[in-house]
Amino acid sequence: MIENRLNLYHLDGVQFYDWEWKQHVPLAGTVASPAASWVNIDSNTNYEHSIQTLISDVHGISAVAMSYNLIYGAWAGYGSDGSGVNSAWGLWYNTNCTSQANVSLSDPPLAHALSLALRSG
């Protein structure tokens, strides 16, 4: 199924979008104990087993599975959620850091606000 489609277009890699929990905290749970499910930015529930199966299927046809991450994005409340993202890394409309650049995703299914911030590392 997926192998036929990839072969048809001569593709050897698949990039997964919007599978993450939050853009600034991609993994729900911990590395040692990932969450069994989580709600993504699209307000859909993702399941760890489904993600693992998709990655295994892609690897099973000798293709590369890649993760897309909105590198300079963070959900609203990032400064107080324990993620370690610092508001000083943000993109601001003014020099006194009182008006942060953000994108409101108010139309469902993208019903979250993203703040633009630089991530370390």
Foldseek 3Di string as FASTA:
>chain_A
DVLVVCVVVVAQEDEDPFLAQWLLHRFDDDPVDTDQWHQTLQRDIHGPVVVVVVCVVSVVSVGYYHYDGPQFKGFPPVCPPPSPFDLVQFDAPDDVSPHFDKDQPCDHPNHTIITGGHDDD
